[in-house]
Amino acid sequence: MADAGVYAKFEDLSPFEIKDELIRLAQADKSNRTYLNAGRGNPNWIATRAREAFFLLGQFALTESKRMSFDEEAGLAGMPPLEGCYKRLKAFAERRKGDVDTPGAETLGDVVDFAIKKFAFDPDTFVNELTDSIIGDHYPVPDRSLVHNEAITHEYLMWAMCAGHRPSAKFDLYPVEGGTAAMCYIFKALKNARLLNAGDTIALVTPIFTPYLEMPHLEDYALKQIHISAEAEDRFQLTDEDLRPLEDKTVKALFIVNPGNPSAVALDPESMDRLVKFVNNKRPDLMILTDDVYGTFVPNFESVMGHLPHNTIGVYSYSKYFGCTGWRLGVVAVAQDNIFDKMIQALPEPTKKLLDERYKALTLKPRDIKFIDRIVADSRDVALNHTAGLSLPQQVMMSLFGLVEMLDDNKVYQKACMAICEKRFHKLMDGMGIEFQARPYFDRYYGIIDYEFWARKYVGDDVTDWVKQNIHPLDIAFKLAEDHGIVVLNGSGFEAPNWSVRVSFANLPDEAYTSIGRAIRAVARGYLQAYRAAKGEIAQP
């Protein structure tokens, strides 16, 4: 067993940085040992239909541009024309139906007609937005979101984030470069709006995605934190006791990842009801950010955004569900009736004047700028607001992902994604040699392997206590890397239990999870042998 001092230098590092050392160890063995990186959340599947439609749409858009050719020999064309473009797209798609070399024609035609009917779009205006955007020949206009894309994305989000409880509220949306950009922009906008100031306190429901723990400490924000621990013993749900610290009105905001990362558990109806009643009765002023990236892996998912739209900023990323981390597609949602705008209007007059000065170049009435539009402006340091917004080809891809999902009435794609994760979860459990019945609201995208919880159940308190006293918690992750070629992330970096690791069920072949389970079991067996040797029960191997 490695001396605890060996791991001391890693204790303050993010698990996403520790993983680099783990990868080095896992790949160092020159034998035929298989290298398995279960630390990445990047899925190893992709959604094909929307992509097929996207690439075919790009071809059509080029034919449209060439209708306005400036110099065909020089490869110089114009912008796609508006009039008649819907009929031309339908004819283009119809000619290619059934052609195996140009897939996507049927999907493209279907989603366009579906959108026109469902949202009452003008056919030419909608198709021209698609063709002009996929060509990428304009800055985003409007800069916050394209008109048709916002309508489509709003409806998609009502399913992705609020399938089990659709609110009556209407939301303004800001498409952004993935959940990563959403986090950065929201932190920045809350600070610039003086809704969160240096020294203010925020609450985080833990375990939680590591950057939410790290960003508040930056000098940019200098926020204090309290942790609302949704523990394994409580099924990662919020209890009355958990919520009690939020009664202190110096706690300005609550940040939640739902379903959790790494817990992979969504708030159940009892927890949601408890939170809603608490906010409505005791903290109607509480700002909430809910990051619901994994909601699509829970049937009939219910977001805090759907239950408390007035208080909540919603964040969603397309990355995991559609296998499109490289596309960088995410969205920020703020209800049109919200506390953020009201709190800005209630700021002291000197603070309002500071904000007037910040945004005066954008409008003659800077006090009328909505919070969602402040997020947009601040994402480009205000001065570049006129070139803000997600790139137009990305917005087209976002629209197509949403439309294809809406057309899938039986949710065949969703069920297939869930089945992949569930199969891998069971293979890991089989490899560990334990029986574990996943509870409802568990999305199985990640799993926390809590060694202490598991050891106390299977080998007893004496062994577990000895291990905790004599072995460093990071030893599990390092042993899996060095001895078995397996990379996992340490749970402590997510404010999960110290003696835990996070496994992703999304990014490796099915059979790999049996090997990972066996390796985790082998590490645990090594601890048991070390305990027995120390107690003189067996000779040290």
Protein backbone atom coordinates (compact mmCIF):
# COMPACT_ATOMS: atom_id res chain seq x y z
CA MET A 1 0.00 0.00 0.00
CA ALA A 2 1.34 3.44 -0.93
CA ASP A 3 2.22 5.80 1.89
CA ALA A 4 -0.36 8.55 2.39
CA GLY A 5 2.33 11.15 1.68
CA VAL A 6 2.52 9.95 -1.92
CA TYR A 7 -0.99 11.27 -2.50
CA ALA A 8 -0.74 14.53 -0.55
CA LYS A 9 0.26 16.56 -3.60
CA PHE A 10 -2.93 15.51 -5.42
CA GLU A 11 -5.41 16.39 -2.67
CA ASP A 12 -6.17 19.92 -3.89
CA LEU A 13 -6.37 19.02 -7.57
CA SER A 14 -9.61 18.69 -9.49
CA PRO A 15 -10.41 15.04 -10.32
CA PHE A 16 -10.26 16.07 -13.97
CA GLU A 17 -6.60 17.00 -13.45
CA ILE A 18 -5.75 13.96 -11.30
CA LYS A 19 -7.01 11.84 -14.18
CA ASP A 20 -3.98 12.87 -16.27
CA GLU A 21 -1.69 11.15 -13.76
CA LEU A 22 -4.02 8.15 -13.64
CA ILE A 23 -3.95 7.89 -17.43
CA ARG A 24 -0.15 7.95 -17.38
CA LEU A 25 -0.08 5.09 -14.88
CA ALA A 26 -2.76 3.11 -16.69
CA GLN A 27 -0.90 3.33 -20.00
CA ALA A 28 2.57 2.68 -18.53
CA ASP A 29 2.27 -1.10 -18.56
CA LYS A 30 3.84 -2.48 -21.76
CA SER A 31 2.05 -5.84 -21.58
CA ASN A 32 -1.15 -6.61 -23.44
CA ARG A 33 -3.26 -5.21 -20.62
CA THR A 34 -6.33 -3.34 -21.89
CA TYR A 35 -6.46 0.35 -21.06
CA LEU A 36 -9.95 1.45 -19.97
CA ASN A 37 -10.82 5.07 -19.25
CA ALA A 38 -14.11 5.08 -17.34
CA GLY A 39 -13.47 8.62 -16.15
CA ARG A 40 -14.80 10.36 -19.25
CA GLY A 41 -18.45 11.28 -19.50
CA ASN A 42 -18.29 11.43 -23.30
CA PRO A 43 -20.76 8.85 -24.68
CA ASN A 44 -19.59 6.34 -27.29
CA TRP A 45 -22.81 6.56 -29.28
CA ILE A 46 -24.19 9.24 -31.62
CA ALA A 47 -27.65 10.16 -32.89
CA THR A 48 -27.57 9.64 -36.66
CA ARG A 49 -30.88 10.86 -38.11
CA ALA A 50 -30.55 14.53 -37.26
CA ARG A 51 -26.95 14.49 -38.50
CA GLU A 52 -27.97 12.89 -41.80
CA ALA A 53 -30.58 15.61 -42.25
CA PHE A 54 -28.03 18.28 -41.32
CA PHE A 55 -25.43 17.26 -43.88
CA LEU A 56 -28.03 16.87 -46.61
CA LEU A 57 -29.47 20.26 -45.75
CA GLY A 58 -25.97 21.70 -46.18
CA GLN A 59 -25.85 20.35 -49.72
CA PHE A 60 -29.22 21.87 -50.50
CA ALA A 61 -28.15 25.21 -49.03
CA LEU A 62 -25.17 25.29 -51.38
CA THR A 63 -27.44 24.75 -54.39
CA GLU A 64 -29.54 27.65 -53.10
CA SER A 65 -26.49 29.88 -52.76
CA LYS A 66 -25.41 29.06 -56.30
CA ARG A 67 -28.74 30.34 -57.56
CA MET A 68 -27.28 33.74 -56.72
CA SER A 69 -23.87 33.04 -58.24
CA PHE A 70 -21.40 35.87 -58.57
CA ASP A 71 -18.63 33.93 -60.30
CA GLU A 72 -19.15 30.18 -60.51
CA GLU A 73 -15.69 29.58 -61.98
CA ALA A 74 -14.12 31.37 -59.02
CA GLY A 75 -16.29 29.45 -56.55
CA LEU A 76 -18.13 32.62 -55.57
CA ALA A 77 -21.85 32.47 -54.78
CA GLY A 78 -24.47 34.60 -53.06
CA MET A 79 -26.81 34.21 -50.14
CA PRO A 80 -29.66 31.65 -50.29
CA PRO A 81 -32.82 33.30 -51.67
CA LEU A 82 -36.12 33.33 -49.78
CA GLU A 83 -38.88 33.05 -52.34
CA GLY A 84 -39.82 29.48 -53.28
CA CYS A 85 -37.14 27.83 -51.14
CA TYR A 86 -39.60 25.52 -49.35
CA LYS A 87 -40.82 23.94 -52.60
CA ARG A 88 -37.26 23.58 -53.84
CA LEU A 89 -36.21 21.86 -50.60
CA LYS A 90 -39.13 19.43 -50.81
CA ALA A 91 -38.26 18.58 -54.41
CA PHE A 92 -34.58 18.21 -53.50
CA ALA A 93 -35.41 15.79 -50.68
CA GLU A 94 -37.97 13.86 -52.71
CA ARG A 95 -35.46 13.12 -55.49
CA ARG A 96 -33.06 11.60 -52.93
CA LYS A 97 -35.44 9.44 -50.94
CA GLY A 98 -34.26 5.84 -50.88
CA ASP A 99 -30.77 6.71 -52.09
CA VAL A 100 -28.43 4.88 -49.71
CA ASP A 101 -25.55 7.13 -50.73
CA THR A 102 -27.36 10.29 -49.55
CA PRO A 103 -29.20 9.35 -46.36
CA GLY A 104 -31.36 11.86 -44.53
CA ALA A 105 -33.77 12.91 -47.29
CA GLU A 106 -36.86 11.44 -45.64
CA THR A 107 -35.90 12.81 -42.21
CA LEU A 108 -35.19 16.27 -43.61
CA GLY A 109 -38.53 16.46 -45.40
CA ASP A 110 -40.42 15.13 -42.40
CA VAL A 111 -38.91 17.48 -39.81
CA VAL A 112 -39.45 20.55 -41.98
CA ASP A 113 -43.11 19.72 -42.55
CA PHE A 114 -43.57 18.78 -38.90
CA ALA A 115 -42.15 22.12 -37.72
CA ILE A 116 -44.22 24.15 -40.19
CA LYS A 117 -47.42 22.45 -39.03
CA LYS A 118 -46.68 22.37 -35.29
CA PHE A 119 -45.41 25.93 -34.94
CA ALA A 120 -47.38 27.54 -37.79
CA PHE A 121 -44.16 28.67 -39.45
CA ASP A 122 -44.25 30.37 -42.82
CA PRO A 123 -42.64 27.68 -45.04
CA ASP A 124 -40.26 29.89 -47.01
CA THR A 125 -39.22 31.95 -43.99
CA PHE A 126 -38.43 28.85 -41.95
CA VAL A 127 -36.53 27.05 -44.71
CA ASN A 128 -34.59 30.21 -45.51
CA GLU A 129 -33.55 30.47 -41.85
CA LEU A 130 -32.27 26.89 -42.08
CA THR A 131 -30.40 27.34 -45.36
CA ASP A 132 -28.95 30.76 -44.60
CA SER A 133 -27.91 29.59 -41.12
CA ILE A 134 -26.29 26.33 -42.16
CA ILE A 135 -24.25 28.28 -44.71
CA GLY A 136 -23.18 30.55 -41.87
CA ASP A 137 -23.13 33.77 -43.89
CA HIS A 138 -24.64 36.05 -41.22
CA TYR A 139 -24.08 37.00 -37.63
CA PRO A 140 -26.82 35.58 -35.38
CA VAL A 141 -29.95 37.74 -35.67
CA PRO A 142 -31.53 38.04 -33.17
CA ASP A 143 -28.29 37.63 -31.26
CA ARG A 144 -29.88 35.70 -28.37
CA SER A 145 -31.54 33.04 -30.53
CA LEU A 146 -32.88 32.60 -34.02
CA VAL A 147 -36.66 33.02 -34.01
CA HIS A 148 -37.55 29.57 -35.34
CA ASN A 149 -34.83 27.83 -33.37
CA GLU A 150 -36.10 29.36 -30.13
CA ALA A 151 -39.63 28.07 -30.73
CA ILE A 152 -38.35 24.58 -31.57
CA THR A 153 -35.88 24.47 -28.70
CA HIS A 154 -38.48 25.71 -26.20
CA GLU A 155 -40.78 22.83 -27.13
CA TYR A 156 -37.91 20.34 -26.97
CA LEU A 157 -36.92 21.59 -23.51
CA MET A 158 -40.46 21.19 -22.26
CA TRP A 159 -39.99 17.49 -22.97
CA ALA A 160 -36.31 17.12 -22.07
CA MET A 161 -36.54 19.01 -18.79
CA CYS A 162 -40.22 19.01 -17.93
CA ALA A 163 -41.76 15.85 -19.42
CA GLY A 164 -43.29 14.89 -16.08
CA HIS A 165 -44.41 18.38 -15.09
CA ARG A 166 -44.80 20.95 -17.83
CA PRO A 167 -45.11 24.49 -16.48
CA SER A 168 -47.42 27.12 -17.91
CA ALA A 169 -44.55 29.60 -17.87
CA LYS A 170 -42.94 30.74 -21.12
CA PHE A 171 -39.15 30.87 -21.18
CA ASP A 172 -36.65 33.05 -23.00
CA LEU A 173 -33.74 30.99 -24.33
CA TYR A 174 -30.10 31.67 -25.02
CA PRO A 175 -28.39 28.91 -27.06
CA VAL A 176 -24.74 28.67 -25.97
CA GLU A 177 -21.57 26.67 -26.55
CA GLY A 178 -22.55 23.72 -24.35
CA GLY A 179 -23.18 23.51 -20.62
CA THR A 180 -19.63 24.75 -20.07
CA ALA A 181 -20.36 28.15 -21.59
CA ALA A 182 -23.71 28.29 -19.81
CA MET A 183 -21.98 28.00 -16.44
CA CYS A 184 -19.40 30.67 -17.26
CA TYR A 185 -21.94 33.11 -18.65
CA ILE A 186 -24.38 32.71 -15.75
CA PHE A 187 -21.74 33.18 -13.06
CA LYS A 188 -20.51 36.26 -14.89
CA ALA A 189 -23.98 37.75 -15.39
CA LEU A 190 -25.05 37.19 -11.77
CA LYS A 191 -21.94 39.04 -10.65
CA ASN A 192 -22.31 41.89 -13.14
CA ALA A 193 -25.98 42.35 -12.25
CA ARG A 194 -24.93 42.64 -8.59
CA LEU A 195 -27.21 39.71 -7.74
CA LEU A 196 -24.18 37.84 -6.38
CA ASN A 197 -21.36 39.89 -4.90
CA ALA A 198 -17.97 39.01 -3.44
CA GLY A 199 -18.49 37.58 0.03
CA ASP A 200 -22.04 36.41 -0.65
CA THR A 201 -22.98 32.83 0.22
CA ILE A 202 -24.37 30.24 -2.18
CA ALA A 203 -25.54 26.71 -1.44
CA LEU A 204 -24.56 23.68 -3.53
CA VAL A 205 -26.43 20.39 -3.44
CA THR A 206 -23.60 17.87 -3.18
CA PRO A 207 -22.22 15.65 -4.61
CA ILE A 208 -22.00 17.98 -7.59
CA PHE A 209 -20.08 18.50 -10.84
CA THR A 210 -16.66 19.73 -9.71
CA PRO A 211 -16.57 23.14 -11.49
CA TYR A 212 -19.53 24.29 -9.40
CA LEU A 213 -17.32 23.74 -6.36
CA GLU A 214 -14.28 25.43 -7.90
CA MET A 215 -15.62 28.49 -9.72
CA PRO A 216 -17.00 30.33 -6.63
CA HIS A 217 -13.48 30.34 -5.12
CA LEU A 218 -12.00 32.27 -8.04
CA GLU A 219 -11.11 35.87 -7.32
CA ASP A 220 -13.54 36.80 -10.09
CA TYR A 221 -16.43 35.82 -7.79
CA ALA A 222 -15.03 35.25 -4.25
CA LEU A 223 -18.23 33.57 -3.08
CA LYS A 224 -18.70 31.61 0.12
CA GLN A 225 -20.24 28.13 -0.05
CA ILE A 226 -22.37 25.89 2.08
CA HIS A 227 -23.04 22.33 1.03
CA ILE A 228 -26.46 20.73 1.14
CA SER A 229 -25.49 17.05 1.27
CA ALA A 230 -27.86 14.72 -0.52
CA GLU A 231 -26.35 11.55 0.94
CA ALA A 232 -26.48 7.93 -0.21
CA GLU A 233 -28.22 7.02 3.05
CA ASP A 234 -31.06 9.36 1.97
CA ARG A 235 -31.03 7.98 -1.58
CA PHE A 236 -29.38 11.27 -2.68
CA GLN A 237 -32.65 13.07 -1.93
CA LEU A 238 -33.25 16.32 -0.06
CA THR A 239 -34.61 16.06 3.47
CA ASP A 240 -36.18 18.74 5.65
CA GLU A 241 -32.92 18.85 7.59
CA ASP A 242 -30.95 19.39 4.38
CA LEU A 243 -33.06 22.44 3.48
CA ARG A 244 -32.95 24.04 6.90
CA PRO A 245 -29.69 26.00 6.30
CA LEU A 246 -31.41 27.74 3.38
CA GLU A 247 -33.68 29.52 5.85
CA ASP A 248 -30.75 31.88 6.42
CA LYS A 249 -31.39 34.72 3.99
CA THR A 250 -27.70 35.43 3.66
CA VAL A 251 -27.70 32.33 1.42
CA LYS A 252 -28.50 34.03 -1.86
CA ALA A 253 -28.66 31.14 -4.33
CA LEU A 254 -29.00 27.37 -4.59
CA PHE A 255 -27.16 25.43 -7.32
CA ILE A 256 -28.36 21.94 -8.25
CA VAL A 257 -27.26 19.34 -10.81
CA ASN A 258 -30.33 17.19 -11.42
CA PRO A 259 -29.97 14.26 -12.03
CA GLY A 260 -26.78 14.42 -10.02
CA ASN A 261 -23.25 14.17 -11.33
CA PRO A 262 -21.84 11.83 -10.07
CA SER A 263 -24.81 10.44 -8.09
CA ALA A 264 -26.88 9.90 -11.27
CA VAL A 265 -30.06 10.27 -9.22
CA ALA A 266 -32.85 12.74 -10.00
CA LEU A 267 -34.95 14.47 -7.37
CA ASP A 268 -37.96 12.29 -6.64
CA PRO A 269 -41.50 13.72 -6.27
CA GLU A 270 -41.21 13.91 -2.48
CA SER A 271 -37.95 15.88 -2.62
CA MET A 272 -39.29 18.14 -5.35
CA ASP A 273 -42.46 18.83 -3.37
CA ARG A 274 -40.38 19.52 -0.26
CA LEU A 275 -38.18 22.01 -2.15
CA VAL A 276 -41.14 23.75 -3.81
CA LYS A 277 -42.99 24.23 -0.53
CA PHE A 278 -39.82 25.44 1.15
CA VAL A 279 -39.14 28.08 -1.51
CA ASN A 280 -42.74 29.23 -1.74
CA ASN A 281 -43.27 29.43 2.01
CA LYS A 282 -39.86 30.39 3.38
CA ARG A 283 -37.51 31.61 0.62
CA PRO A 284 -39.43 33.14 -2.30
CA ASP A 285 -36.33 35.30 -2.83
CA LEU A 286 -33.99 32.32 -3.34
CA MET A 287 -32.25 32.25 -6.72
CA ILE A 288 -31.89 28.74 -8.15
CA LEU A 289 -29.71 27.36 -10.92
CA THR A 290 -30.58 23.86 -12.09
CA ASP A 291 -28.24 22.00 -14.46
CA ASP A 292 -30.32 19.21 -16.01
CA VAL A 293 -27.95 17.74 -18.60
CA TYR A 294 -28.84 14.13 -17.72
CA GLY A 295 -32.60 14.60 -17.43
CA THR A 296 -33.24 12.81 -20.72
CA PHE A 297 -31.98 9.56 -19.14
CA VAL A 298 -34.84 9.55 -16.60
CA PRO A 299 -38.35 8.72 -17.89
CA ASN A 300 -40.80 11.62 -17.42
CA PHE A 301 -38.10 13.76 -15.87
CA GLU A 302 -39.19 16.75 -13.76
CA SER A 303 -36.89 19.76 -13.50
CA VAL A 304 -36.89 22.33 -10.73
CA MET A 305 -37.29 24.74 -13.64
CA GLY A 306 -40.76 23.33 -14.29
CA HIS A 307 -41.86 23.53 -10.65
CA LEU A 308 -40.25 26.85 -9.69
CA PRO A 309 -39.91 28.75 -12.99
CA HIS A 310 -40.10 32.15 -11.30
CA ASN A 311 -36.94 31.46 -9.26
CA THR A 312 -34.90 29.31 -11.61
CA ILE A 313 -32.27 29.54 -14.32
CA GLY A 314 -32.32 26.32 -16.33
CA VAL A 315 -29.26 24.86 -18.05
CA TYR A 316 -29.36 22.04 -20.57
CA SER A 317 -26.72 20.52 -22.84
CA TYR A 318 -27.35 18.30 -25.86
CA SER A 319 -23.92 16.70 -25.51
CA LYS A 320 -24.62 13.50 -23.61
CA TYR A 321 -27.99 12.48 -25.01
CA PHE A 322 -27.17 12.99 -28.68
CA GLY A 323 -23.47 12.09 -28.46
CA CYS A 324 -22.42 15.55 -29.64
CA THR A 325 -19.90 16.90 -27.15
CA GLY A 326 -17.85 18.22 -30.06
CA TRP A 327 -20.76 20.29 -31.34
CA ARG A 328 -20.87 22.39 -28.14
CA LEU A 329 -24.66 22.76 -27.94
CA GLY A 330 -26.36 24.03 -24.82
CA VAL A 331 -29.09 26.41 -23.77
CA VAL A 332 -29.88 28.76 -20.89
CA ALA A 333 -33.55 29.19 -20.02
CA VAL A 334 -35.08 31.97 -17.91
CA ALA A 335 -38.84 32.37 -17.43
CA GLN A 336 -40.25 35.60 -18.80
CA ASP A 337 -41.69 36.27 -15.34
CA ASN A 338 -38.72 35.85 -12.98
CA ILE A 339 -37.18 37.09 -9.76
CA PHE A 340 -33.91 38.07 -11.45
CA ASP A 341 -35.46 40.96 -13.35
CA LYS A 342 -37.39 42.03 -10.26
CA MET A 343 -34.30 41.93 -8.06
CA ILE A 344 -32.38 44.07 -10.54
CA GLN A 345 -35.21 46.63 -10.54
CA ALA A 346 -35.10 46.66 -6.72
CA LEU A 347 -31.37 47.39 -6.47
CA PRO A 348 -30.31 50.62 -4.76
CA GLU A 349 -30.20 53.69 -7.00
CA PRO A 350 -26.37 54.00 -6.93
CA THR A 351 -26.09 50.37 -8.12
CA LYS A 352 -28.65 50.96 -10.85
CA LYS A 353 -26.57 53.89 -12.08
CA LEU A 354 -23.51 51.66 -12.27
CA LEU A 355 -25.50 49.19 -14.38
CA ASP A 356 -26.84 52.02 -16.54
CA GLU A 357 -23.25 52.97 -17.29
CA ARG A 358 -22.36 49.36 -18.13
CA TYR A 359 -25.17 48.83 -20.65
CA LYS A 360 -25.82 52.37 -21.94
CA ALA A 361 -24.28 51.64 -25.36
CA LEU A 362 -26.94 49.00 -26.01
CA THR A 363 -30.13 50.96 -25.51
CA LEU A 364 -31.54 54.31 -24.49
CA LYS A 365 -33.26 52.53 -21.60
CA PRO A 366 -30.62 50.25 -20.01
CA ARG A 367 -32.83 49.60 -16.99
CA ASP A 368 -35.30 47.79 -19.23
CA ILE A 369 -32.78 45.16 -20.34
CA LYS A 370 -33.97 41.73 -19.22
CA PHE A 371 -31.66 39.49 -17.23
CA ILE A 372 -31.48 36.91 -20.04
CA ASP A 373 -30.29 39.68 -22.42
CA ARG A 374 -27.74 40.80 -19.83
CA ILE A 375 -26.38 37.24 -19.91
CA VAL A 376 -26.01 37.58 -23.68
CA ALA A 377 -24.32 40.98 -23.46
CA ASP A 378 -21.99 39.95 -20.64
CA SER A 379 -20.98 36.84 -22.56
CA ARG A 380 -19.33 39.22 -25.02
CA ASP A 381 -18.23 41.86 -22.49
CA VAL A 382 -21.09 44.14 -23.62
CA ALA A 383 -18.97 45.93 -26.22
CA LEU A 384 -19.28 42.96 -28.58
CA ASN A 385 -22.96 42.36 -27.96
CA HIS A 386 -23.69 43.09 -31.63
CA THR A 387 -21.74 39.94 -32.57
CA ALA A 388 -23.03 37.75 -29.73
CA GLY A 389 -24.92 34.50 -30.11
CA LEU A 390 -24.25 30.87 -30.91
CA SER A 391 -22.99 30.20 -34.43
CA LEU A 392 -25.82 29.64 -36.87
CA PRO A 393 -24.79 26.15 -38.09
CA GLN A 394 -24.80 25.09 -34.43
CA GLN A 395 -28.30 26.49 -33.99
CA VAL A 396 -29.46 24.51 -37.02
CA MET A 397 -28.01 21.32 -35.55
CA MET A 398 -29.81 22.12 -32.30
CA SER A 399 -33.12 22.56 -34.15
CA LEU A 400 -32.72 19.29 -36.02
CA PHE A 401 -31.88 17.32 -32.87
CA GLY A 402 -34.99 18.75 -31.22
CA LEU A 403 -37.29 18.13 -34.18
CA VAL A 404 -36.16 14.53 -34.69
CA GLU A 405 -36.78 13.86 -30.99
CA MET A 406 -40.26 15.39 -31.20
CA LEU A 407 -41.09 13.15 -34.15
CA ASP A 408 -40.14 10.08 -32.09
CA ASP A 409 -43.54 9.57 -30.44
CA ASN A 410 -42.59 6.19 -28.95
CA LYS A 411 -39.25 7.51 -27.68
CA VAL A 412 -37.37 4.67 -29.37
CA TYR A 413 -34.11 6.62 -29.29
CA GLN A 414 -34.45 7.51 -25.61
CA LYS A 415 -35.21 3.89 -24.66
CA ALA A 416 -32.19 2.69 -26.64
CA CYS A 417 -29.86 5.14 -24.85
CA MET A 418 -31.23 4.10 -21.47
CA ALA A 419 -30.83 0.42 -22.35
CA ILE A 420 -27.13 0.93 -23.15
CA CYS A 421 -26.43 2.45 -19.73
CA GLU A 422 -28.58 -0.08 -17.88
CA LYS A 423 -26.81 -3.05 -19.49
CA ARG A 424 -23.39 -1.67 -18.58
CA PHE A 425 -24.50 -0.94 -15.02
CA HIS A 426 -25.55 -4.56 -14.52
CA LYS A 427 -22.29 -5.83 -15.98
CA LEU A 428 -20.36 -3.74 -13.45
CA MET A 429 -22.48 -5.10 -10.60
CA ASP A 430 -21.93 -8.66 -11.83
CA GLY A 431 -18.17 -8.04 -11.98
CA MET A 432 -18.19 -6.75 -8.41
CA GLY A 433 -20.17 -9.80 -7.33
CA ILE A 434 -22.90 -7.84 -5.62
CA GLU A 435 -26.62 -7.46 -6.09
CA PHE A 436 -27.96 -3.96 -6.31
CA GLN A 437 -31.41 -3.02 -7.46
CA ALA A 438 -31.30 0.48 -8.88
CA ARG A 439 -33.98 2.70 -7.42
CA PRO A 440 -36.33 4.84 -9.52
CA TYR A 441 -34.94 8.18 -10.69
CA PHE A 442 -31.48 6.64 -11.21
CA ASP A 443 -30.28 7.51 -14.72
CA ARG A 444 -27.31 5.04 -14.78
CA TYR A 445 -25.16 7.47 -16.75
CA TYR A 446 -22.64 7.50 -13.90
CA GLY A 447 -22.23 5.47 -10.78
CA ILE A 448 -20.60 6.21 -7.44
CA ILE A 449 -18.78 3.19 -6.05
CA ASP A 450 -18.65 4.00 -2.33
CA TYR A 451 -16.02 1.66 -0.89
CA GLU A 452 -16.80 2.49 2.71
CA PHE A 453 -20.55 1.94 2.30
CA TRP A 454 -19.90 -1.32 0.42
CA ALA A 455 -17.18 -2.57 2.82
CA ARG A 456 -19.22 -1.99 5.94
CA LYS A 457 -22.00 -4.05 4.43
CA TYR A 458 -19.89 -6.94 3.12
CA VAL A 459 -16.77 -7.19 5.34
CA GLY A 460 -17.68 -5.30 8.50
CA ASP A 461 -16.77 -2.22 10.48
CA ASP A 462 -13.43 -3.46 11.84
CA VAL A 463 -11.89 -3.93 8.40
CA THR A 464 -13.37 -0.69 7.09
CA ASP A 465 -12.14 1.36 10.05
CA TRP A 466 -8.63 -0.10 9.71
CA VAL A 467 -8.52 0.73 5.99
CA LYS A 468 -9.62 4.31 6.64
CA GLN A 469 -6.93 4.73 9.29
CA ASN A 470 -4.08 3.21 7.28
CA ILE A 471 -4.74 3.84 3.58
CA HIS A 472 -5.29 7.10 1.70
CA PRO A 473 -8.69 7.41 -0.10
CA LEU A 474 -6.98 8.18 -3.42
CA ASP A 475 -5.34 4.75 -3.26
CA ILE A 476 -8.41 3.15 -4.87
CA ALA A 477 -8.19 5.25 -8.03
CA PHE A 478 -4.40 4.93 -8.24
CA LYS A 479 -4.45 1.15 -7.72
CA LEU A 480 -7.08 0.70 -10.41
CA ALA A 481 -4.88 2.68 -12.81
CA GLU A 482 -1.50 1.20 -11.93
CA ASP A 483 -2.49 -2.44 -11.36
CA HIS A 484 -5.42 -2.83 -13.75
CA GLY A 485 -5.09 -0.13 -16.43
CA ILE A 486 -8.45 1.38 -15.44
CA VAL A 487 -9.07 5.12 -14.99
CA VAL A 488 -11.90 6.37 -12.76
CA LEU A 489 -12.37 9.71 -11.02
CA ASN A 490 -12.09 10.13 -7.27
CA GLY A 491 -15.47 10.87 -5.72
CA SER A 492 -14.01 13.29 -3.19
CA GLY A 493 -13.49 15.82 -5.99
CA PHE A 494 -17.27 16.01 -6.38
CA GLU A 495 -17.90 16.28 -2.61
CA ALA A 496 -18.99 12.64 -2.73
CA PRO A 497 -17.71 10.37 0.06
CA ASN A 498 -13.90 10.32 0.32
CA TRP A 499 -13.76 6.57 -0.22
CA SER A 500 -15.62 6.59 -3.51
CA VAL A 501 -14.93 6.68 -7.23
CA ARG A 502 -17.06 7.78 -10.18
CA VAL A 503 -17.55 5.39 -13.09
CA SER A 504 -19.06 6.48 -16.39
CA PHE A 505 -21.37 3.94 -18.03
CA ALA A 506 -21.45 5.92 -21.26
CA ASN A 507 -18.06 5.72 -22.89
CA LEU A 508 -16.75 2.14 -22.99
CA PRO A 509 -17.80 -1.12 -24.70
CA ASP A 510 -20.31 -3.20 -22.73
CA GLU A 511 -17.85 -5.95 -21.86
CA ALA A 512 -15.42 -3.47 -20.28
CA TYR A 513 -17.71 -2.98 -17.29
CA THR A 514 -17.40 -6.58 -16.15
CA SER A 515 -13.62 -6.08 -16.09
CA ILE A 516 -13.97 -2.84 -14.16
CA GLY A 517 -16.21 -4.52 -11.60
CA ARG A 518 -13.71 -7.35 -11.12
CA ALA A 519 -10.85 -4.88 -10.75
CA ILE A 520 -12.71 -2.89 -8.07
CA ARG A 521 -13.38 -6.16 -6.27
CA ALA A 522 -9.70 -7.11 -6.52
CA VAL A 523 -8.62 -3.79 -4.97
CA ALA A 524 -11.07 -4.31 -2.12
CA ARG A 525 -9.78 -7.87 -1.65
CA GLY A 526 -6.25 -6.46 -1.39
CA TYR A 527 -7.34 -4.18 1.44
CA LEU A 528 -8.88 -7.13 3.27
CA GLN A 529 -5.65 -9.10 2.91
CA ALA A 530 -3.63 -6.14 4.19
CA TYR A 531 -5.92 -5.87 7.20
CA ARG A 532 -5.54 -9.57 7.99
CA ALA A 533 -1.78 -9.38 7.61
CA ALA A 534 -1.61 -6.40 9.94
CA LYS A 535 -3.66 -8.27 12.52
CA GLY A 536 -1.44 -11.35 12.18
CA GLU A 537 -4.23 -13.46 10.70
CA ILE A 538 -2.27 -14.31 7.54
CA ALA A 539 1.28 -13.81 6.28
CA GLN A 540 1.83 -10.62 4.34
CA PRO A 541 1.73 -11.61 0.65
